[in-house]
Protein backbone atom coordinates (compact mmCIF):
# COMPACT_ATOMS: atom_id res chain seq x y z
CA MET A 1 100.99 99.23 129.43
CA ASN A 2 99.84 101.64 132.07
CA ALA A 3 97.38 103.97 130.56
CA PRO A 4 98.08 106.94 131.98
CA ARG A 5 101.85 106.53 131.62
CA ALA A 6 101.21 104.85 128.02
CA TRP A 7 99.21 108.07 126.89
CA LEU A 8 101.87 110.43 128.36
CA ILE A 9 104.78 108.67 126.10
CA TRP A 10 102.50 109.03 123.36
CA THR A 11 101.76 112.92 123.63
CA ILE A 12 105.42 113.27 124.28
CA GLY A 13 105.96 111.40 120.85
CA VAL A 14 103.05 113.46 118.87
CA LEU A 15 104.50 117.03 120.15
CA ALA A 16 107.92 115.75 118.42
CA TYR A 17 106.01 114.97 115.29
CA LEU A 18 103.79 118.06 115.15
CA VAL A 19 107.03 120.09 115.58
CA ALA A 20 108.45 117.90 112.66
CA VAL A 21 104.96 118.49 110.49
CA ALA A 22 105.25 122.21 110.94
CA GLN A 23 109.28 122.12 109.96
CA ARG A 24 108.20 120.43 106.69
CA THR A 25 105.23 122.22 105.71
CA SER A 26 106.52 126.03 106.53
CA PHE A 27 108.32 126.39 102.94
CA GLY A 28 104.77 125.77 101.36
CA VAL A 29 103.78 128.66 103.18
CA SER A 30 106.97 130.80 102.12
CA GLY A 31 106.87 129.96 98.61
CA LEU A 32 106.06 133.16 97.38
CA GLU A 33 108.60 135.08 99.47
CA ALA A 34 111.59 132.38 99.05
CA THR A 35 111.07 133.04 95.18
CA GLU A 36 111.79 136.67 95.74
CA ARG A 37 114.69 135.96 98.46
CA PHE A 38 116.46 133.48 96.34
CA HIS A 39 115.70 135.18 92.91
CA ALA A 40 114.70 131.77 91.73
CA SER A 41 112.27 130.01 89.08
CA ALA A 42 109.45 127.80 89.55
CA ALA A 43 111.98 124.68 89.16
CA ALA A 44 114.23 125.70 91.53
CA ILE A 45 111.63 126.43 94.17
CA SER A 46 110.32 123.33 93.77
CA PHE A 47 113.93 121.84 94.21
CA PHE A 48 113.84 122.92 97.37
CA THR A 49 110.78 120.68 98.38
CA VAL A 50 111.90 117.91 95.99
CA LEU A 51 115.40 117.29 97.69
CA GLN A 52 113.79 117.77 101.29
CA LEU A 53 111.47 115.05 100.22
CA LEU A 54 113.92 112.96 98.24
CA VAL A 55 116.36 113.02 101.65
CA TYR A 56 113.21 112.28 103.70
CA ALA A 57 111.80 109.22 101.55
CA GLY A 58 115.53 108.06 101.14
CA LEU A 59 116.18 107.73 104.71
CA GLN A 60 112.72 105.82 105.57
CA ILE A 61 114.20 102.38 105.13
CA PRO A 62 117.45 103.33 107.11
CA VAL A 63 115.64 104.96 109.92
CA GLY A 64 113.21 101.92 110.52
CA LEU A 65 116.10 99.52 110.94
CA LEU A 66 117.59 101.86 113.18
CA VAL A 67 114.82 102.53 115.27
CA ASP A 68 114.26 98.64 115.19
CA ARG A 69 117.83 98.50 116.82
CA PHE A 70 118.29 101.74 118.97
CA GLY A 71 114.45 102.54 119.90
CA SER A 72 112.47 106.02 119.48
CA ARG A 73 114.15 108.10 122.14
CA VAL A 74 117.43 108.24 120.53
CA MET A 75 115.96 108.67 116.66
CA ILE A 76 113.29 111.14 117.73
CA SER A 77 115.65 113.77 119.68
CA CYS A 78 118.30 113.13 116.87
CA GLY A 79 115.72 114.17 114.45
CA ALA A 80 114.52 117.29 116.24
CA VAL A 81 118.29 118.37 116.63
CA LEU A 82 118.53 118.11 112.85
CA MET A 83 115.55 120.20 111.83
CA GLY A 84 116.74 122.82 114.25
CA LEU A 85 120.02 122.85 112.58
CA GLY A 86 118.21 123.28 109.44
CA GLN A 87 115.87 125.90 110.03
CA LEU A 88 118.72 127.71 111.61
CA GLN A 89 120.63 127.63 108.51
CA LEU A 90 117.54 128.61 106.04
CA ALA A 91 116.97 131.92 108.40
CA PHE A 92 120.46 133.32 107.51
CA ALA A 93 120.62 131.52 103.70
CA ASP A 94 120.39 134.32 101.21
CA ALA A 95 121.10 132.36 97.99
CA VAL A 96 119.75 128.81 96.58
CA PRO A 97 122.59 126.49 97.87
CA GLY A 98 122.29 127.47 101.49
CA GLY A 99 118.52 127.30 101.69
CA VAL A 100 118.59 123.56 99.83
CA LEU A 101 120.85 122.56 102.64
CA GLY A 102 118.76 123.93 105.20
CA ARG A 103 115.83 121.75 103.65
CA VAL A 104 117.86 118.76 103.52
CA PHE A 105 118.64 119.02 107.30
CA VAL A 106 115.02 119.29 107.66
CA GLY A 107 114.30 116.34 105.35
CA ALA A 108 116.79 114.32 107.45
CA GLY A 109 115.32 115.28 110.75
CA ASP A 110 111.59 114.82 109.72
CA ALA A 111 112.66 111.18 108.24
CA MET A 112 113.44 110.21 111.76
CA THR A 113 110.30 111.48 113.78
CA PHE A 114 107.42 109.91 112.38
CA VAL A 115 108.45 105.95 111.81
CA SER A 116 109.96 106.27 115.79
CA VAL A 117 106.58 107.56 116.87
CA ILE A 118 104.42 105.16 115.44
CA ARG A 119 106.85 102.36 116.61
CA LEU A 120 105.70 103.20 120.12
CA VAL A 121 102.11 102.80 119.48
CA PRO A 122 102.19 98.94 119.45
CA ILE A 123 104.38 98.54 122.09
CA TRP A 124 102.61 100.76 124.41
CA PHE A 125 99.06 99.96 123.51
CA ALA A 126 96.75 97.37 123.30
CA PRO A 127 96.50 95.74 120.12
CA GLY A 128 92.63 96.45 119.95
CA ARG A 129 93.67 100.36 120.50
CA VAL A 130 96.65 100.32 117.93
CA PRO A 131 94.65 101.45 114.90
CA LEU A 132 92.58 104.40 116.67
CA VAL A 133 95.67 105.62 118.18
CA THR A 134 97.63 105.53 114.67
CA GLN A 135 95.23 107.44 113.32
CA LEU A 136 95.22 110.11 116.25
CA THR A 137 98.88 110.15 115.78
CA GLY A 138 98.61 111.51 112.57
CA MET A 139 95.65 113.56 113.35
CA SER A 140 97.35 115.02 116.21
CA GLY A 141 100.66 115.81 114.17
CA GLN A 142 98.82 117.66 111.51
CA LEU A 143 98.32 120.50 113.95
CA GLY A 144 102.00 121.08 112.91
CA GLN A 145 100.75 122.16 109.52
CA LEU A 146 98.21 124.75 111.50
CA ILE A 147 101.50 126.29 113.07
CA SER A 148 102.85 126.60 109.91
CA VAL A 149 99.47 128.26 108.27
CA VAL A 150 98.48 130.61 110.85
CA PRO A 151 101.25 131.78 113.58
CA PHE A 152 104.35 130.91 111.09
CA ALA A 153 102.77 132.97 108.30
CA LEU A 154 101.97 135.70 110.53
CA VAL A 155 105.76 136.14 111.76
CA LEU A 156 107.33 135.48 108.20
CA HIS A 157 104.83 138.35 106.86
CA THR A 158 105.31 140.89 109.68
CA ALA A 159 108.58 140.21 111.43
CA GLY A 160 110.67 138.78 108.23
CA TRP A 161 112.16 135.82 107.06
CA THR A 162 114.94 135.24 109.69
CA THR A 163 112.61 135.81 112.86
CA ALA A 164 110.36 133.33 111.58
CA PHE A 165 112.67 130.68 110.56
CA LEU A 166 114.58 131.24 113.75
CA SER A 167 111.03 130.64 115.81
CA LEU A 168 110.53 127.17 114.20
CA SER A 169 114.28 126.46 115.27
CA SER A 170 113.38 127.27 118.74
CA LEU A 171 110.44 124.71 118.70
CA SER A 172 112.50 121.89 117.62
CA ALA A 173 114.94 122.89 120.99
CA LEU A 174 112.02 122.81 123.25
CA ALA A 175 111.07 119.06 121.10
CA VAL A 176 114.84 117.88 122.19
CA VAL A 177 114.30 118.56 125.75
CA LEU A 178 110.82 117.03 126.16
CA VAL A 179 112.04 113.67 124.78
CA VAL A 180 115.21 113.07 126.24
CA ALA A 181 113.26 113.97 129.68
CA LEU A 182 110.17 112.27 129.37
CA LEU A 183 110.28 109.66 126.43
CA ARG A 184 110.71 106.13 126.81
CA ASP A 185 111.04 103.15 124.08
CA ALA A 186 109.13 100.56 126.01
CA PRO A 187 107.09 99.54 129.34
CA PRO A 188 108.71 97.85 132.31
CA GLY A 189 109.00 94.10 131.58
CA HIS A 190 108.55 94.56 127.72
CA PRO A 191 111.27 92.43 126.04
CA PRO A 192 114.68 94.05 125.16
CA ARG A 193 115.65 95.22 121.63
CA GLU A 194 117.31 92.69 119.76
CA SER A 195 121.13 93.32 119.86
CA ALA A 196 122.95 94.84 117.01
CA GLN A 197 122.98 93.06 113.62
CA GLY A 198 125.42 92.52 110.98
CA LEU A 199 125.02 93.74 107.28
CA ARG A 200 123.74 90.51 106.30
CA ALA A 201 121.19 89.96 108.98
CA THR A 202 119.96 93.31 108.50
CA GLY A 203 119.95 92.66 104.64
CA VAL A 204 117.63 89.53 105.75
CA THR A 205 115.34 91.95 107.90
CA LEU A 206 114.98 94.04 104.96
CA ALA A 207 114.31 91.52 102.73
CA ARG A 208 111.69 90.06 104.53
CA ALA A 209 109.93 92.94 105.04
CA TRP A 210 109.75 93.73 101.22
CA GLN A 211 108.95 89.95 100.62
CA GLN A 212 105.86 90.39 102.82
CA PRO A 213 103.16 91.23 99.93
CA GLY A 214 100.96 93.03 103.26
CA THR A 215 104.15 95.48 103.24
CA ARG A 216 103.75 96.29 99.51
CA LEU A 217 100.25 96.69 99.63
CA GLY A 218 100.95 99.21 102.29
CA LEU A 219 103.36 101.07 100.29
CA TRP A 220 101.01 101.67 97.15
CA SER A 221 98.22 102.63 99.36
CA HIS A 222 100.21 105.69 100.94
CA PHE A 223 101.56 106.42 97.54
CA THR A 224 98.07 106.71 95.97
CA VAL A 225 96.42 108.60 98.67
CA GLN A 226 98.79 110.65 100.46
CA PHE A 227 101.09 112.42 97.63
CA SER A 228 98.18 114.71 96.46
CA GLY A 229 97.45 116.47 99.60
CA ASN A 230 101.46 116.72 100.25
CA VAL A 231 101.88 118.38 96.78
CA PHE A 232 99.23 120.90 97.79
CA ALA A 233 99.97 121.90 101.56
CA MET A 234 103.98 121.57 101.08
CA SER A 235 104.86 123.25 97.88
CA TRP A 236 102.18 124.18 95.13
CA GLY A 237 98.88 124.64 96.68
CA TYR A 238 99.66 128.46 98.43
CA PRO A 239 100.70 129.76 94.74
CA PHE A 240 97.69 128.06 93.05
CA LEU A 241 95.34 129.60 95.44
CA VAL A 242 97.18 133.08 95.56
CA SER A 243 98.10 133.29 91.66
CA ALA A 244 96.19 131.39 89.78
CA GLN A 245 92.72 131.38 91.48
CA GLY A 246 93.08 134.84 92.81
CA LEU A 247 92.20 134.68 96.65
CA ASN A 248 93.73 136.76 99.11
CA ALA A 249 96.11 135.53 101.83
CA THR A 250 93.59 135.67 104.37
CA THR A 251 91.37 133.28 102.22
CA VAL A 252 94.03 130.63 101.64
CA SER A 253 95.16 130.59 104.91
CA ALA A 254 91.29 129.85 106.17
CA LEU A 255 91.61 127.01 103.36
CA MET A 256 94.61 125.62 104.85
CA GLY A 257 93.11 125.60 108.29
CA LEU A 258 90.22 123.67 106.74
CA PHE A 259 92.86 121.19 105.40
CA VAL A 260 94.03 120.88 109.12
CA VAL A 261 90.84 120.59 110.92
CA THR A 262 89.42 118.15 108.18
CA SER A 263 92.30 115.83 108.69
CA ILE A 264 91.97 115.96 112.68
CA LEU A 265 87.92 115.18 112.24
CA VAL A 266 88.52 112.45 109.71
CA GLY A 267 91.33 110.38 111.45
CA PRO A 268 89.20 108.68 114.23
CA LEU A 269 86.56 107.93 111.88
CA PHE A 270 89.55 106.04 109.80
CA GLY A 271 90.90 104.34 112.73
CA THR A 272 87.24 103.21 113.92
CA PHE A 273 86.59 102.01 110.70
CA VAL A 274 90.01 99.72 110.22
CA ALA A 275 89.21 98.32 113.60
CA ARG A 276 85.87 97.33 112.53
CA HIS A 277 86.57 96.42 109.05
CA PRO A 278 89.74 95.16 108.58
CA MET A 279 88.80 93.47 105.44
CA ARG A 280 87.90 96.48 103.60
CA ARG A 281 90.99 98.62 103.91
CA SER A 282 92.10 98.40 100.40
CA ALA A 283 88.53 99.48 99.34
CA MET A 284 88.68 102.51 101.50
CA VAL A 285 91.91 103.64 99.92
CA LEU A 286 90.69 103.28 96.21
CA LEU A 287 87.52 104.98 97.40
CA ILE A 288 89.93 107.88 98.58
CA ALA A 289 92.23 107.75 95.31
CA ALA A 290 88.66 108.17 93.02
CA ALA A 291 87.39 110.82 95.14
CA THR A 292 90.77 112.89 94.70
CA ALA A 293 90.72 112.49 90.94
CA ILE A 294 87.19 113.61 90.88
CA ALA A 295 87.88 116.73 92.94
CA TRP A 296 91.09 117.56 90.80
CA ALA A 297 89.12 117.28 87.31
CA ALA A 298 85.98 119.23 88.96
CA VAL A 299 88.69 122.27 89.52
CA LEU A 300 91.28 121.93 86.92
CA LEU A 301 88.34 121.42 83.79
CA LEU A 302 86.57 124.78 84.37
CA PRO A 303 87.56 127.38 82.01
CA THR A 304 87.45 130.01 84.55
CA ARG A 305 88.73 130.23 88.21
CA ALA A 306 86.52 127.74 90.57
CA PRO A 307 84.10 128.97 92.99
CA LEU A 308 85.39 129.47 96.63
CA TRP A 309 82.92 126.49 97.69
CA LEU A 310 84.57 124.13 95.10
CA LEU A 311 88.06 124.90 96.15
CA ALA A 312 86.95 124.39 99.81
CA LEU A 313 85.62 120.71 98.61
CA LEU A 314 88.99 120.22 96.80
CA VAL A 315 90.96 120.80 100.76
CA VAL A 316 88.65 118.37 102.43
CA VAL A 317 89.25 115.78 99.77
CA LEU A 318 92.85 116.30 99.73
CA ALA A 319 92.58 116.64 103.73
CA VAL A 320 91.12 113.20 103.94
CA GLY A 321 93.87 111.36 102.21
CA GLY A 322 96.45 112.31 104.95
CA PRO A 323 94.27 110.00 107.66
CA GLY A 324 93.67 107.55 104.62
CA SER A 325 97.27 107.00 104.08
CA MET A 326 97.65 105.71 107.68
CA ILE A 327 95.97 102.27 106.47
CA GLY A 328 99.34 101.51 104.81
CA PHE A 329 100.79 101.41 108.27
CA ASP A 330 98.10 99.57 109.61
CA PHE A 331 99.05 96.97 106.94
CA ALA A 332 102.80 96.81 107.86
CA ARG A 333 101.45 96.26 111.64
CA THR A 334 99.24 93.32 110.59
CA PHE A 335 101.39 91.27 108.12
CA ASN A 336 104.71 91.78 110.18
CA PRO A 337 106.24 90.64 113.49
CA SER A 338 106.56 93.17 116.00
CA HIS A 339 110.66 93.43 115.67
CA ARG A 340 110.23 93.98 112.17
CA ILE A 341 107.66 96.71 112.51
CA GLY A 342 110.01 99.79 112.17
CA THR A 343 111.52 98.30 109.07
CA ALA A 344 108.30 97.39 107.14
CA THR A 345 106.45 101.09 108.55
CA GLY A 346 109.71 102.79 107.04
CA ILE A 347 109.19 100.66 103.53
CA VAL A 348 105.45 102.06 103.47
CA ASN A 349 106.26 105.48 104.40
CA VAL A 350 108.55 106.01 101.38
CA GLY A 351 105.50 105.78 99.33
CA GLY A 352 103.54 108.92 99.42
CA PHE A 353 106.50 111.04 99.73
CA LEU A 354 108.19 109.72 96.82
CA ALA A 355 105.13 110.32 94.47
CA ALA A 356 105.06 113.73 96.16
CA LEU A 357 108.67 114.97 95.40
CA LEU A 358 108.45 113.58 91.82
CA THR A 359 104.91 115.26 91.32
CA ILE A 360 106.33 118.61 92.92
CA TYR A 361 109.19 118.47 90.92
CA LEU A 362 107.33 117.82 87.46
CA VAL A 363 104.75 120.54 88.14
CA GLY A 364 107.83 123.21 88.65
CA VAL A 365 109.48 121.97 85.56
CA ILE A 366 106.14 122.24 83.23
CA LEU A 367 105.40 125.68 84.82
CA ASP A 368 109.03 126.58 83.67
CA VAL A 369 108.42 125.23 80.21
CA LEU A 370 105.42 126.71 79.56
CA HIS A 371 106.54 130.33 80.54
CA THR A 372 109.72 130.00 78.38
CA SER A 373 107.61 128.54 75.41
CA GLY A 374 105.46 131.96 75.74
CA PHE A 375 102.46 129.56 76.53
CA SER A 376 102.08 131.44 80.02
CA GLY A 377 101.68 134.93 78.84
CA GLY A 378 104.42 136.25 80.95
CA GLU A 379 102.73 135.32 84.12
CA LEU A 380 104.81 132.07 85.51
CA TYR A 381 101.80 131.05 88.09
CA GLY A 382 98.62 131.56 86.03
CA LEU A 383 95.68 129.64 85.83
CA ALA A 384 96.43 128.11 82.19
CA PRO A 385 99.81 126.99 83.21
CA PHE A 386 98.63 125.63 86.59
CA ARG A 387 95.70 123.67 84.99
CA ILE A 388 98.29 121.69 82.68
CA ALA A 389 100.87 121.39 85.57
CA LEU A 390 98.72 119.92 88.13
CA SER A 391 97.16 117.44 85.61
CA VAL A 392 100.29 115.15 86.01
CA GLN A 393 98.78 114.08 89.37
CA PHE A 394 96.09 112.01 87.46
CA LEU A 395 99.17 109.68 86.07
CA PHE A 396 100.39 108.83 89.90
CA LEU A 397 96.88 108.22 90.86
CA LEU A 398 95.98 106.00 87.93
CA VAL A 399 99.72 104.08 88.67
CA GLY A 400 99.05 103.88 92.42
CA ALA A 401 95.54 102.60 91.93
CA VAL A 402 96.94 99.89 89.48
CA LEU A 403 99.68 98.53 91.85
CA ILE A 404 97.27 98.59 94.58
CA LEU A 405 94.86 95.89 92.86
CA VAL A 406 97.61 94.22 91.79
CA THR A 407 99.23 93.69 95.21
CA ARG A 408 96.11 93.31 96.81
CA ARG A 409 95.23 90.03 94.61
CA LYS A 410 98.93 88.62 95.87
CA VAL A 411 97.95 89.31 99.80
CA ARG A 412 94.41 87.47 99.30
CA ARG A 413 95.83 84.81 97.61
CA GLN A 414 98.21 84.38 101.15
CA MET A 415 95.47 84.96 102.98
CA ALA A 416 93.48 82.34 101.29
CA ALA A 417 96.27 79.58 101.77
CA GLN A 418 96.31 80.51 105.53
CA GLY A 419 92.39 79.73 105.59
CA VAL A 420 91.21 83.49 105.24
CA HIS A 421 89.01 83.94 102.58
CA VAL A 422 87.87 87.86 101.63
CA PRO A 423 84.64 88.07 99.41
CA PRO A 424 83.97 90.27 96.55
CA LEU A 425 82.79 93.71 98.47
CA LEU A 426 79.56 93.41 96.39
CA VAL A 427 78.91 89.94 97.74
CA SER A 428 80.05 90.87 101.35
CA LEU A 429 77.41 94.16 101.31
CA ALA A 430 74.49 91.59 100.18
CA GLN A 431 75.53 89.16 102.86
CA GLN A 432 75.50 92.08 105.52
CA ARG A 433 72.16 93.08 104.28
CA ARG A 434 70.66 89.79 104.47
CA ARG A 435 72.01 89.36 107.96
CA ARG A 436 70.23 92.70 108.72
CA VAL A 437 66.65 91.70 107.28
CA GLU A 438 66.91 88.07 108.79
CA LEU A 439 67.55 89.96 112.44
CA ARG A 440 65.01 92.26 111.77
CA ARG A 441 62.53 89.25 111.15
CA GLU A 442 63.82 87.68 113.98
CA ARG A 443 63.08 90.29 116.26
CA LEU A 444 59.73 91.10 114.81
CA ALA A 445 58.92 87.19 115.26
CA LYS A 446 60.20 87.73 119.06
CA GLN A 447 57.86 90.52 119.64
CA ARG A 448 54.65 88.77 118.15
CA SER A 449 55.34 85.63 120.32
CA THR A 450 55.51 88.03 123.31
CA ALA A 451 52.47 90.04 122.63
CA PRO A 452 49.64 89.46 124.89
């Protein structure tokens, strides 16, 4: 765990993750161009991202098992190869089936990356640093979205579809070279990975990770606070802002940039909070979910287009959900042994992307139904149909919050059986207030006793 080398390994992993995020979010920026290129409906365009996320979510648990067996280096490099092939396929596709195939490859490669990078953190860093480094990982990876929002969008609009996606494919090739040359799975002296397990042993590992209530609490935390930001950044945010809210491309790019910058700035704050207040992680998750619901309600309930400041506020709240969802991985880390972290992390990572793909698909279906029925007045991406379609998010926020509360109760019963009792939040706040008052009184008394 030599500090300079640990940070070098982490940097290479984060660069690979950054490239993966750029590949993942690139289609959200090109949604309008894809509609024209493939002559597709809203549901068909949403299917690109839905299938990509379905592949991503479906592979999370197998990838978690594989990274525990083969290590991060193999999985990250294989993921980069698949994403490069996917973007290469998409660059030359001119029909929906060919484009969908490209996004399937991107989803598969993306699925191998994040879990593998997160697994490096507890191996290369001391436990006290893990929450902060985990947040830094998610924060740094979001720079990949900035790549898709600014340079990729610029190339797309100036040089065209094929050149833009070929440039993303070349980024994956660079990631493969760096990972193979510089990344290592563990520091010298670290216990070797377990030998290959049979299907029965693999099933036992998976079952034990799932049976741990802390893993499921991480899953539902990730499910609840991450999906809305993904829906916005990966699929419907760009059409909603341009077609429904009437913003120009420059303003939308600025808002998407604000999304990324907010994620970067907030990440370390969450890492510090989790390290200092590990018993209040679920309370923070529920607070983020409530803020997300309020922000969307404020925008969607307006009878007219939202003012720019309100849209900016919505973007900031949605961006907070990304770093907030990283709390789910901290649950996986603290409630599972080290040899099961990859599997538990894969389970947690299913949550937000499962909710996102369901929401993205439902929004597309609702938009098409409203357009076919004549409700949209011939405008597929109008404000009125978007207002109804995007409201489906409230259902997922409610379901996620309920599941968090139910699972948290099980986790706290397990902790109580081990002698760890978590007081209610209001009681804890009152106790902290009393302690601060007592300390203040003691300092005043000490000052008076020493005064001449």
